[in-house]
């Protein structure tokens, strides 16, 4: 996220930017009007918010691509030897 905002932040030093990735804190800050906007994947139903969908929320499941997987060889697993299933 900071990468996408770097142009704005570099051009406007008066902007105070902080980022919290804990959903509970983001919702609390929205409830208490401590932030100007929050980015969440699931909207809190109890708040009256103006919303703008940014991207589709894709969910992915990864499983080891090799059959010999066990906890003993978990250090051999990387994102390149995973089978990925993606759902839009």
N, C-alpha and C. Protein backbone atom coordinates (compact mmCIF):
# COMPACT_ATOMS: atom_id res chain seq x y z
N UNK A 1 0.81 -1.20 0.00
CA UNK A 1 0.00 0.00 0.00
C UNK A 1 0.85 1.26 0.00
N UNK A 2 1.89 1.38 0.83
CA UNK A 2 2.71 2.60 0.79
C UNK A 2 3.28 2.88 -0.60
N UNK A 3 3.60 1.84 -1.38
CA UNK A 3 4.11 2.03 -2.73
C UNK A 3 3.10 2.80 -3.58
N UNK A 4 1.83 2.44 -3.48
CA UNK A 4 0.79 3.07 -4.27
C UNK A 4 0.55 4.52 -3.85
N UNK A 5 0.89 4.85 -2.64
CA UNK A 5 0.68 6.21 -2.14
C UNK A 5 1.95 7.06 -2.18
N UNK A 6 3.06 6.49 -2.62
CA UNK A 6 4.35 7.20 -2.54
C UNK A 6 4.33 8.52 -3.30
N UNK A 7 3.69 8.56 -4.46
CA UNK A 7 3.63 9.81 -5.22
C UNK A 7 2.92 10.90 -4.44
N UNK A 8 1.80 10.56 -3.84
CA UNK A 8 1.05 11.52 -3.04
C UNK A 8 1.86 11.96 -1.83
N UNK A 9 2.43 11.01 -1.12
CA UNK A 9 3.17 11.32 0.11
C UNK A 9 4.43 12.13 -0.18
N UNK A 10 5.12 11.82 -1.28
CA UNK A 10 6.33 12.57 -1.63
C UNK A 10 6.00 14.00 -2.05
N UNK A 11 4.86 14.20 -2.65
CA UNK A 11 4.47 15.53 -3.11
C UNK A 11 3.78 16.37 -2.05
N UNK A 12 3.38 15.75 -0.94
CA UNK A 12 2.64 16.47 0.11
C UNK A 12 3.16 16.05 1.47
N UNK A 13 4.23 16.70 1.90
CA UNK A 13 4.85 16.35 3.18
C UNK A 13 3.94 16.61 4.37
N UNK A 14 2.88 17.41 4.18
CA UNK A 14 1.97 17.70 5.29
C UNK A 14 1.01 16.55 5.58
N UNK A 15 0.97 15.56 4.69
CA UNK A 15 0.09 14.41 4.89
C UNK A 15 0.73 13.47 5.91
N UNK A 16 -0.02 13.15 6.95
CA UNK A 16 0.45 12.22 7.99
C UNK A 16 -0.13 10.85 7.67
N UNK A 17 0.72 9.92 7.27
CA UNK A 17 0.27 8.59 6.87
C UNK A 17 0.73 7.55 7.89
N UNK A 18 -0.21 6.74 8.33
CA UNK A 18 0.13 5.57 9.14
C UNK A 18 -0.75 4.42 8.68
N UNK A 19 -0.27 3.22 8.91
CA UNK A 19 -0.99 2.05 8.41
C UNK A 19 -1.06 1.00 9.51
N UNK A 20 -2.25 0.50 9.75
CA UNK A 20 -2.47 -0.57 10.71
C UNK A 20 -3.17 -1.70 9.97
N UNK A 21 -2.62 -2.89 10.04
CA UNK A 21 -3.19 -4.01 9.28
C UNK A 21 -4.03 -4.94 10.15
N UNK A 22 -4.33 -4.53 11.36
CA UNK A 22 -5.18 -5.32 12.24
C UNK A 22 -6.62 -4.85 12.07
N UNK A 23 -7.46 -5.72 11.54
CA UNK A 23 -8.84 -5.32 11.22
C UNK A 23 -9.59 -4.78 12.43
N UNK A 24 -9.35 -5.35 13.60
CA UNK A 24 -10.04 -4.88 14.80
C UNK A 24 -9.68 -3.42 15.09
N UNK A 25 -8.41 -3.06 14.94
CA UNK A 25 -7.99 -1.67 15.17
C UNK A 25 -8.54 -0.73 14.12
N UNK A 26 -8.60 -1.18 12.87
CA UNK A 26 -9.14 -0.34 11.79
C UNK A 26 -10.60 -0.02 12.06
N UNK A 27 -11.37 -1.02 12.43
CA UNK A 27 -12.80 -0.80 12.71
C UNK A 27 -12.98 0.11 13.92
N UNK A 28 -12.19 -0.10 14.96
CA UNK A 28 -12.27 0.77 16.14
C UNK A 28 -11.96 2.22 15.76
N UNK A 29 -10.91 2.42 14.95
CA UNK A 29 -10.55 3.78 14.54
C UNK A 29 -11.64 4.41 13.68
N UNK A 30 -12.32 3.63 12.86
CA UNK A 30 -13.46 4.15 12.09
C UNK A 30 -14.61 4.52 13.03
N UNK A 31 -14.89 3.67 14.01
CA UNK A 31 -15.97 3.93 14.97
C UNK A 31 -15.72 5.22 15.75
N UNK A 32 -14.47 5.43 16.12
CA UNK A 32 -14.10 6.58 16.94
C UNK A 32 -13.75 7.82 16.11
N UNK A 33 -13.90 7.72 14.80
CA UNK A 33 -13.60 8.83 13.88
C UNK A 33 -12.15 9.30 14.04
N UNK A 34 -11.24 8.36 14.21
CA UNK A 34 -9.81 8.68 14.37
C UNK A 34 -9.07 8.68 13.04
N UNK A 35 -9.71 8.17 11.99
CA UNK A 35 -9.05 8.09 10.68
C UNK A 35 -9.98 8.68 9.62
N UNK A 36 -9.37 9.10 8.52
CA UNK A 36 -10.15 9.64 7.41
C UNK A 36 -10.71 8.53 6.52
N UNK A 37 -9.98 7.42 6.42
CA UNK A 37 -10.49 6.28 5.67
C UNK A 37 -9.83 5.01 6.17
N UNK A 38 -10.49 3.91 5.92
CA UNK A 38 -9.96 2.60 6.28
C UNK A 38 -10.11 1.67 5.10
N UNK A 39 -9.20 0.75 4.96
CA UNK A 39 -9.24 -0.23 3.88
C UNK A 39 -9.49 -1.59 4.51
N UNK A 40 -10.64 -2.16 4.21
CA UNK A 40 -11.03 -3.45 4.79
C UNK A 40 -11.54 -4.37 3.69
N UNK A 41 -11.48 -5.66 3.92
CA UNK A 41 -12.00 -6.61 2.94
C UNK A 41 -13.44 -7.00 3.26
N UNK A 42 -13.86 -6.85 4.51
CA UNK A 42 -15.24 -7.13 4.91
C UNK A 42 -15.76 -5.88 5.62
N UNK A 43 -16.86 -5.35 5.10
CA UNK A 43 -17.41 -4.12 5.68
C UNK A 43 -18.09 -4.40 7.01
N UNK A 44 -17.83 -3.57 8.02
CA UNK A 44 -18.56 -3.71 9.28
C UNK A 44 -20.00 -3.26 9.07
N UNK A 45 -20.95 -4.11 9.39
CA UNK A 45 -22.36 -3.83 9.13
C UNK A 45 -22.95 -2.77 10.06
N UNK A 46 -22.35 -2.59 11.22
CA UNK A 46 -22.92 -1.67 12.21
C UNK A 46 -22.53 -0.21 11.97
N UNK A 47 -21.72 0.09 10.96
CA UNK A 47 -21.31 1.46 10.67
C UNK A 47 -21.93 1.94 9.36
N UNK A 48 -22.34 3.20 9.34
CA UNK A 48 -22.86 3.82 8.13
C UNK A 48 -21.67 4.46 7.40
N UNK A 49 -21.16 3.76 6.38
CA UNK A 49 -19.94 4.19 5.70
C UNK A 49 -20.19 4.49 4.24
N UNK A 50 -19.45 5.43 3.70
CA UNK A 50 -19.37 5.61 2.26
C UNK A 50 -18.30 4.65 1.78
N UNK A 51 -18.60 3.85 0.76
CA UNK A 51 -17.66 2.83 0.32
C UNK A 51 -17.32 2.99 -1.16
N UNK A 52 -16.15 2.49 -1.51
CA UNK A 52 -15.68 2.47 -2.88
C UNK A 52 -14.93 1.17 -3.09
N UNK A 53 -15.51 0.24 -3.85
CA UNK A 53 -14.79 -1.02 -4.11
C UNK A 53 -13.53 -0.73 -4.94
N UNK A 54 -12.39 -1.25 -4.51
CA UNK A 54 -11.13 -1.00 -5.21
C UNK A 54 -10.73 -2.16 -6.12
N UNK A 55 -10.77 -3.38 -5.59
CA UNK A 55 -10.38 -4.55 -6.36
C UNK A 55 -11.27 -5.72 -5.96
N UNK A 56 -11.32 -6.74 -6.83
CA UNK A 56 -12.00 -7.97 -6.47
C UNK A 56 -11.22 -8.65 -5.35
N UNK A 57 -11.93 -9.23 -4.44
CA UNK A 57 -11.30 -9.93 -3.32
C UNK A 57 -11.13 -11.40 -3.71
N UNK A 58 -9.94 -11.75 -4.20
CA UNK A 58 -9.68 -13.12 -4.59
C UNK A 58 -9.18 -13.92 -3.39
N UNK A 59 -9.60 -15.14 -3.33
CA UNK A 59 -9.14 -16.04 -2.28
C UNK A 59 -8.34 -17.15 -2.94
N UNK A 60 -7.22 -17.49 -2.35
CA UNK A 60 -6.36 -18.52 -2.92
C UNK A 60 -6.05 -19.59 -1.89
N UNK A 61 -5.96 -20.81 -2.37
CA UNK A 61 -5.59 -21.95 -1.53
C UNK A 61 -4.35 -22.58 -2.15
N UNK A 62 -3.35 -22.77 -1.36
CA UNK A 62 -2.13 -23.39 -1.86
C UNK A 62 -1.88 -24.70 -1.15
N UNK A 63 -1.45 -25.69 -1.91
CA UNK A 63 -1.11 -26.98 -1.34
C UNK A 63 0.25 -27.41 -1.90
N UNK A 64 1.03 -28.13 -1.13
CA UNK A 64 2.32 -28.59 -1.65
C UNK A 64 2.12 -29.45 -2.90
N UNK A 65 2.94 -29.20 -3.91
CA UNK A 65 2.81 -29.91 -5.18
C UNK A 65 3.47 -31.29 -5.14
N UNK A 66 4.25 -31.56 -4.11
CA UNK A 66 4.91 -32.86 -4.05
C UNK A 66 4.28 -33.72 -2.97
N UNK A 67 4.18 -35.00 -3.23
CA UNK A 67 3.44 -35.92 -2.36
C UNK A 67 4.17 -36.24 -1.06
N UNK A 68 5.46 -36.03 -1.02
CA UNK A 68 6.24 -36.40 0.16
C UNK A 68 6.17 -35.34 1.25
N UNK A 69 5.22 -34.43 1.17
CA UNK A 69 5.14 -33.36 2.15
C UNK A 69 4.88 -33.90 3.55
N UNK A 70 5.63 -33.42 4.48
CA UNK A 70 5.39 -33.67 5.90
C UNK A 70 6.03 -32.52 6.67
N UNK A 71 5.76 -32.43 7.94
CA UNK A 71 6.33 -31.35 8.73
C UNK A 71 7.86 -31.43 8.78
N UNK A 72 8.41 -32.61 8.60
CA UNK A 72 9.86 -32.76 8.63
C UNK A 72 10.54 -32.05 7.46
N UNK A 73 9.87 -31.94 6.30
CA UNK A 73 10.50 -31.28 5.15
C UNK A 73 9.78 -29.97 4.78
N UNK A 74 9.15 -29.32 5.76
CA UNK A 74 8.42 -28.08 5.49
C UNK A 74 9.33 -26.97 4.99
N UNK A 75 10.63 -27.01 5.31
CA UNK A 75 11.55 -25.98 4.84
C UNK A 75 11.80 -26.06 3.34
N UNK A 76 11.39 -27.15 2.69
CA UNK A 76 11.57 -27.31 1.24
C UNK A 76 10.42 -26.69 0.45
N UNK A 77 9.37 -26.26 1.13
CA UNK A 77 8.19 -25.73 0.45
C UNK A 77 8.40 -24.25 0.15
N UNK A 78 8.20 -23.88 -1.10
CA UNK A 78 8.26 -22.49 -1.52
C UNK A 78 7.03 -22.20 -2.36
N UNK A 79 6.84 -20.94 -2.72
CA UNK A 79 5.68 -20.61 -3.55
C UNK A 79 5.80 -21.16 -4.97
N UNK A 80 6.99 -21.59 -5.37
CA UNK A 80 7.14 -22.14 -6.72
C UNK A 80 6.79 -23.62 -6.79
N UNK A 81 6.77 -24.33 -5.66
CA UNK A 81 6.39 -25.74 -5.72
C UNK A 81 5.05 -25.98 -5.02
N UNK A 82 4.18 -25.00 -5.12
CA UNK A 82 2.82 -25.09 -4.59
C UNK A 82 1.85 -25.19 -5.77
N UNK A 83 0.77 -25.91 -5.63
CA UNK A 83 -0.35 -25.88 -6.55
C UNK A 83 -1.31 -24.83 -6.01
N UNK A 84 -1.70 -23.86 -6.84
CA UNK A 84 -2.58 -22.78 -6.39
C UNK A 84 -3.95 -22.91 -7.01
N UNK A 85 -4.96 -22.73 -6.20
CA UNK A 85 -6.35 -22.69 -6.64
C UNK A 85 -6.86 -21.30 -6.28
N UNK A 86 -7.35 -20.56 -7.25
CA UNK A 86 -7.83 -19.19 -7.00
C UNK A 86 -9.31 -19.11 -7.31
N UNK A 87 -10.04 -18.44 -6.44
CA UNK A 87 -11.49 -18.24 -6.60
C UNK A 87 -11.76 -16.75 -6.62
N UNK A 88 -12.49 -16.28 -7.65
CA UNK A 88 -12.85 -14.85 -7.71
C UNK A 88 -13.96 -14.55 -6.74
